[in-house]
Protein backbone atom coordinates (compact mmCIF):
# COMPACT_ATOMS: atom_id res chain seq x y z
CA MET A 1 0.13 0.16 0.08
CA GLU A 2 1.06 3.47 -0.80
CA TYR A 3 -0.05 6.90 0.84
CA GLY A 4 -0.39 10.37 -0.49
CA ILE A 5 -1.88 13.86 0.29
CA CYS A 6 -4.40 15.82 -1.87
CA MET A 7 -4.86 19.46 -0.96
CA PHE A 8 -5.75 22.48 -3.10
CA ALA A 9 -2.93 25.02 -3.53
CA THR A 10 -4.27 28.55 -2.81
CA ASP A 11 -3.44 32.14 -2.58
CA TYR A 12 -3.44 31.92 1.21
CA SER A 13 -2.06 28.39 1.83
CA MET A 14 1.32 26.97 2.17
CA PRO A 15 2.75 27.19 -1.33
CA ALA A 16 2.82 24.12 -3.71
CA ALA A 17 6.40 23.67 -4.03
CA ASP A 18 6.87 23.80 -0.17
CA LEU A 19 4.11 21.56 0.46
CA ALA A 20 5.69 19.01 -2.14
CA ILE A 21 8.93 18.99 -0.26
CA ALA A 22 7.07 18.55 2.84
CA VAL A 23 5.39 15.54 1.62
CA GLU A 24 8.30 13.84 0.13
CA GLU A 25 10.62 14.41 2.94
CA ARG A 26 7.76 12.50 5.41
CA GLY A 27 7.95 9.62 3.16
CA PHE A 28 4.88 9.90 1.65
CA ASP A 29 4.44 8.62 -1.85
CA ALA A 30 2.25 11.02 -3.86
CA LEU A 31 0.65 14.33 -3.86
CA PHE A 32 -2.47 15.41 -5.60
CA ILE A 33 -3.84 18.90 -6.36
CA PRO A 34 -7.41 19.52 -7.25
CA ASP A 35 -8.80 21.33 -10.41
CA HIS A 36 -11.54 23.98 -10.61
CA THR A 37 -11.49 27.02 -13.25
CA HIS A 38 -13.70 28.99 -11.07
CA ILE A 39 -16.57 28.75 -8.58
CA PRO A 40 -19.99 30.31 -9.82
CA ALA A 41 -21.09 32.89 -7.15
CA SER A 42 -24.56 31.85 -7.30
CA ARG A 43 -25.13 28.20 -7.78
CA LYS A 44 -27.71 25.64 -6.69
CA SER A 45 -25.12 22.42 -6.86
CA PRO A 46 -25.06 21.48 -3.70
CA PHE A 47 -21.58 20.67 -2.40
CA ARG A 48 -21.06 16.84 -2.53
CA VAL A 49 -19.97 16.17 0.95
CA GLY A 50 -22.34 18.66 2.56
CA GLY A 51 -22.07 21.76 4.23
CA GLU A 52 -20.57 25.07 2.95
CA LEU A 53 -18.18 25.04 0.22
CA PRO A 54 -14.71 25.74 1.54
CA PRO A 55 -12.99 28.67 0.38
CA ASP A 56 -10.37 26.11 -1.09
CA TYR A 57 -12.40 25.84 -4.07
CA SER A 58 -12.56 29.36 -5.41
CA HIS A 59 -9.15 30.44 -4.15
CA ASN A 60 -7.18 27.85 -5.73
CA LEU A 61 -4.15 27.97 -8.24
CA ASP A 62 -4.22 26.56 -11.81
CA MET A 63 -3.77 23.05 -11.35
CA PHE A 64 -1.02 22.49 -13.85
CA VAL A 65 1.22 25.51 -12.54
CA ALA A 66 0.90 24.04 -9.02
CA LEU A 67 1.89 20.63 -9.98
CA THR A 68 4.67 21.85 -12.06
CA ALA A 69 6.05 23.76 -8.86
CA ALA A 70 5.62 20.37 -7.01
CA ALA A 71 7.26 18.41 -9.66
CA ALA A 72 10.13 20.87 -9.82
CA VAL A 73 11.57 20.49 -6.41
CA THR A 74 11.03 16.58 -5.70
CA LYS A 75 12.82 13.50 -7.03
CA ARG A 76 10.63 10.72 -5.78
CA ILE A 77 7.03 11.30 -5.27
CA ARG A 78 4.09 10.91 -7.93
CA ILE A 79 2.65 14.30 -8.94
CA GLY A 80 -1.24 13.96 -9.48
CA ALA A 81 -4.38 15.57 -10.81
CA GLY A 82 -6.89 15.45 -8.22
CA VAL A 83 -9.08 15.40 -10.48
CA CYS A 84 -8.66 17.33 -13.70
CA LEU A 85 -12.00 18.44 -15.09
CA VAL A 86 -10.90 17.82 -18.77
CA ALA A 87 -14.37 18.93 -20.09
CA GLU A 88 -13.62 22.52 -19.32
CA ARG A 89 -10.18 22.56 -20.83
CA ASP A 90 -9.22 22.66 -24.42
CA PRO A 91 -7.73 19.05 -25.44
CA ILE A 92 -4.97 20.42 -27.52
CA ILE A 93 -3.63 22.81 -24.68
CA THR A 94 -4.37 20.12 -22.05
CA ALA A 95 -2.46 17.43 -24.09
CA LYS A 96 0.59 19.66 -24.22
CA GLU A 97 0.21 20.41 -20.58
CA VAL A 98 0.15 16.95 -19.58
CA ALA A 99 3.01 15.85 -21.59
CA SER A 100 5.07 18.87 -20.39
CA LEU A 101 4.42 17.90 -16.72
CA ASP A 102 5.46 14.47 -17.54
CA GLN A 103 8.64 15.78 -18.88
CA VAL A 104 9.30 18.01 -16.01
CA SER A 105 8.29 15.47 -13.34
CA ASN A 106 10.74 12.82 -15.47
CA GLY A 107 7.46 10.46 -15.75
CA ARG A 108 6.04 11.07 -12.51
CA PHE A 109 2.59 12.43 -13.51
CA ASP A 110 -0.66 10.57 -12.47
CA PHE A 111 -3.81 11.81 -14.83
CA GLY A 112 -6.69 11.67 -12.54
CA ILE A 113 -9.95 13.07 -14.54
CA GLY A 114 -13.43 13.54 -13.66
CA GLY A 115 -16.80 14.66 -14.87
CA GLY A 116 -17.20 17.32 -12.05
CA TRP A 117 -20.13 18.03 -9.93
CA ASN A 118 -21.02 21.63 -10.35
CA VAL A 119 -23.84 22.23 -12.97
CA GLU A 120 -23.35 25.94 -13.11
CA GLU A 121 -19.44 25.79 -13.59
CA TYR A 122 -20.16 23.69 -16.48
CA GLU A 123 -22.56 26.04 -17.95
CA ASN A 124 -20.16 28.98 -17.61
CA HIS A 125 -17.91 27.13 -19.95
CA GLY A 126 -20.82 26.82 -22.43
CA LEU A 127 -21.25 22.99 -21.83
CA PRO A 128 -24.23 20.93 -21.49
CA TRP A 129 -24.01 19.28 -18.14
CA ASN A 130 -26.07 16.35 -19.60
CA ARG A 131 -23.54 15.52 -22.23
CA ARG A 132 -20.26 16.15 -19.99
CA TRP A 133 -19.22 12.41 -20.08
CA LYS A 134 -19.39 12.37 -23.92
CA ILE A 135 -17.16 15.63 -23.93
CA VAL A 136 -14.82 14.15 -21.44
CA ARG A 137 -14.32 11.00 -23.77
CA GLU A 138 -13.71 12.64 -26.63
CA ARG A 139 -11.17 15.07 -25.16
CA ILE A 140 -9.32 12.03 -23.78
CA GLU A 141 -9.40 10.16 -27.01
CA ALA A 142 -8.24 13.09 -28.74
CA MET A 143 -5.31 13.66 -26.17
CA GLN A 144 -4.42 10.18 -26.42
CA ALA A 145 -4.11 10.66 -30.23
CA ILE A 146 -1.99 13.41 -29.66
CA TRP A 147 0.31 11.73 -27.26
CA THR A 148 0.97 8.62 -29.36
CA GLN A 149 0.93 9.79 -32.80
CA GLU A 150 3.49 12.18 -34.98
CA GLU A 151 0.31 13.40 -36.85
CA ALA A 152 -2.72 13.34 -34.89
CA SER A 153 -6.36 14.19 -35.92
CA TYR A 154 -9.70 13.56 -34.33
CA ASP A 155 -13.34 13.83 -35.65
CA GLY A 156 -15.88 13.92 -32.84
CA GLU A 157 -19.06 15.80 -31.82
CA PHE A 158 -17.38 18.28 -29.54
CA VAL A 159 -13.60 17.72 -30.58
CA LYS A 160 -12.50 18.24 -34.31
CA PHE A 161 -9.14 19.02 -35.69
CA ASP A 162 -7.16 17.99 -38.90
CA ALA A 163 -3.96 16.38 -38.52
CA ILE A 164 -1.46 18.44 -36.11
CA TRP A 165 2.29 18.01 -34.83
CA SER A 166 2.55 18.35 -30.93
CA TRP A 167 5.66 17.74 -28.90
CA PRO A 168 6.60 17.01 -26.29
CA LYS A 169 5.61 13.38 -25.98
CA PRO A 170 5.21 11.98 -22.49
CA VAL A 171 7.95 10.35 -20.78
CA GLN A 172 5.49 7.58 -19.72
CA LYS A 173 4.36 5.20 -22.60
CA PRO A 174 2.16 5.07 -24.15
CA TYR A 175 1.15 8.23 -21.52
CA PRO A 176 0.64 9.02 -17.87
CA PRO A 177 -1.97 6.70 -16.47
CA ILE A 178 -5.46 7.88 -16.87
CA PHE A 179 -7.41 7.43 -13.26
CA VAL A 180 -11.07 7.79 -13.92
CA GLY A 181 -12.76 9.40 -10.92
CA GLY A 182 -16.28 9.04 -9.93
CA ASP A 183 -18.85 6.25 -8.94
CA ALA A 184 -21.54 6.38 -11.41
CA PRO A 185 -23.23 3.52 -13.05
CA GLY A 186 -21.14 4.24 -16.16
CA THR A 187 -17.85 4.80 -14.45
CA PHE A 188 -16.52 1.29 -15.12
CA ARG A 189 -17.48 1.44 -18.71
CA ARG A 190 -15.21 4.79 -19.05
CA ILE A 191 -12.32 2.86 -17.22
CA LEU A 192 -12.49 -0.24 -19.62
CA ARG A 193 -12.70 2.30 -22.62
CA TYR A 194 -10.24 4.79 -21.94
CA GLY A 195 -8.92 4.56 -18.58
CA ASP A 196 -5.85 2.79 -16.70
CA ALA A 197 -7.11 2.95 -12.95
CA TRP A 198 -9.66 4.00 -10.66
CA ILE A 199 -9.80 6.96 -8.31
CA PRO A 200 -12.97 6.95 -6.25
CA MET A 201 -13.98 9.15 -3.36
CA LEU A 202 -14.74 7.49 0.03
CA ALA A 203 -15.71 10.57 2.06
CA GLU A 204 -19.51 11.24 2.32
CA ALA A 205 -21.58 13.74 4.29
CA ASN A 206 -21.60 14.19 7.99
CA ASN A 207 -18.05 12.47 8.38
CA GLN A 208 -19.23 9.23 6.94
CA PHE A 209 -17.12 6.84 4.49
CA ASP A 210 -18.16 4.38 1.95
CA LEU A 211 -15.38 1.70 1.36
CA LYS A 212 -17.12 0.69 -1.74
CA LYS A 213 -16.05 -2.85 -1.56
CA GLU A 214 -18.83 -4.44 -3.66
CA ARG A 215 -17.73 -2.06 -6.40
CA MET A 216 -14.20 -2.77 -6.21
CA ALA A 217 -15.15 -6.58 -6.43
CA GLU A 218 -16.95 -5.60 -9.47
CA LEU A 219 -14.31 -3.78 -11.22
CA ALA A 220 -12.01 -6.78 -10.58
CA GLU A 221 -14.35 -9.25 -12.01
CA LEU A 222 -14.75 -6.94 -15.11
CA ALA A 223 -10.95 -6.91 -15.59
CA LYS A 224 -10.84 -10.44 -15.29
CA GLU A 225 -13.63 -11.21 -17.78
CA SER A 226 -11.77 -8.89 -20.41
CA ASP A 227 -8.60 -10.50 -19.79
CA HIS A 228 -7.11 -7.25 -18.34
CA ALA A 229 -4.58 -7.06 -15.56
CA PRO A 230 -6.25 -5.97 -12.41
CA TYR A 231 -6.98 -2.04 -12.36
CA PRO A 232 -5.02 0.00 -9.91
CA ILE A 233 -7.29 1.77 -7.16
CA THR A 234 -6.41 5.05 -5.55
CA THR A 235 -8.93 6.38 -2.77
CA PHE A 236 -9.58 9.98 -2.18
CA GLY A 237 -10.96 10.93 1.05
CA THR A 238 -9.27 8.09 2.79
CA PRO A 239 -10.52 7.76 6.45
CA ARG A 240 -7.86 7.77 9.18
CA ASP A 241 -9.07 4.22 10.44
CA PRO A 242 -6.31 1.25 10.42
CA GLU A 243 -9.34 -1.20 10.08
CA ALA A 244 -10.79 0.87 7.14
CA ILE A 245 -7.20 0.73 5.30
CA ALA A 246 -6.94 -2.71 6.02
CA THR A 247 -10.09 -3.50 4.22
CA LEU A 248 -9.26 -1.31 1.34
CA ALA A 249 -5.95 -3.10 0.92
CA ASN A 250 -7.94 -6.64 0.93
CA THR A 251 -10.09 -5.14 -1.68
CA GLY A 252 -7.57 -4.24 -4.30
CA VAL A 253 -6.67 -0.62 -3.25
CA ASN A 254 -2.95 0.23 -4.00
CA ARG A 255 -2.83 3.53 -2.72
CA CYS A 256 -4.62 5.83 -0.29
CA ILE A 257 -4.94 9.56 -0.50
CA PHE A 258 -5.74 11.79 2.68
CA GLY A 259 -7.21 14.93 1.99
CA LEU A 260 -5.83 18.23 3.96
CA LYS A 261 -7.66 21.70 3.99
CA ALA A 262 -5.61 24.27 2.38
CA ALA A 263 -3.95 26.53 5.24
CA ALA A 264 -0.50 28.22 6.04
CA ALA A 265 2.52 25.88 6.82
CA ASP A 266 2.15 26.43 10.44
CA ASP A 267 -1.14 24.70 10.37
CA VAL A 268 -0.47 22.37 7.54
CA LEU A 269 3.04 20.92 8.83
CA PRO A 270 1.82 19.48 12.05
CA ARG A 271 -1.09 17.73 10.38
CA LEU A 272 1.46 16.32 7.96
CA ASP A 273 3.38 15.16 11.05
CA ARG A 274 0.59 13.21 12.59
CA LEU A 275 -0.49 11.64 9.19
CA ALA A 276 3.08 10.21 8.98
CA ARG A 277 3.19 8.93 12.39
CA PHE A 278 -0.24 7.35 11.47
CA VAL A 279 1.14 5.75 8.37
CA GLU A 280 4.16 4.56 9.93
CA GLY A 281 2.01 2.78 12.53
CA LEU A 282 0.02 1.05 9.93
């Protein structure tokens, strides 16, 4: 089992580079940084884990900029998108950002992707909410073409471009692993079609957790039926509970990610120290 940290990089929190150094120094295996282009000032979409939306979501730095800062000052830890809302991003530009970050990190980037939860955020980008996963699929397939072909093209409903040249290509071959987020009815179809791994959220409202044991068994069976190696599973919102983590290990989870509220270093570092001691004792 590997362990990592997920925290927004914001304009008021510990800088991403300092956070990455601290995460690596304490023996963790990964740092994930979330993605939102903005948060609508007025919205009807409820926060998925309940309560008021923390300021982390609207004060965050651009995810790729923060991840690049983290990659530049570390040598060992994986650098992850946690998760990238790819439907909100131009696929040609995003393909170059992903490949460039994989180069800067020397092949340490994990590309977490998701469909999002904020309807109004999508609508501000001119996107139809009920077609978001079709948009995600086309953007991912277009980027996969860009990463693997010298002259790439794509002809879809939402993504269309004639043959293009785009370098660098990713260090990891054929490209950084794509961790598909979410736990909707279609999630596993998406993993089988264009993903390499699953990255579910375990935290729910009122400090409750769903360990998703049945769903993990279902994914393992689907991999077996399709003659595919077991899909790696990274969990977000992992409970600080040794028994829960033992259960996750027994159901196929390879890496547990603990979420941290964005804050200044004098707040974050003690929490990181406690988490490091917790992990050491597992």
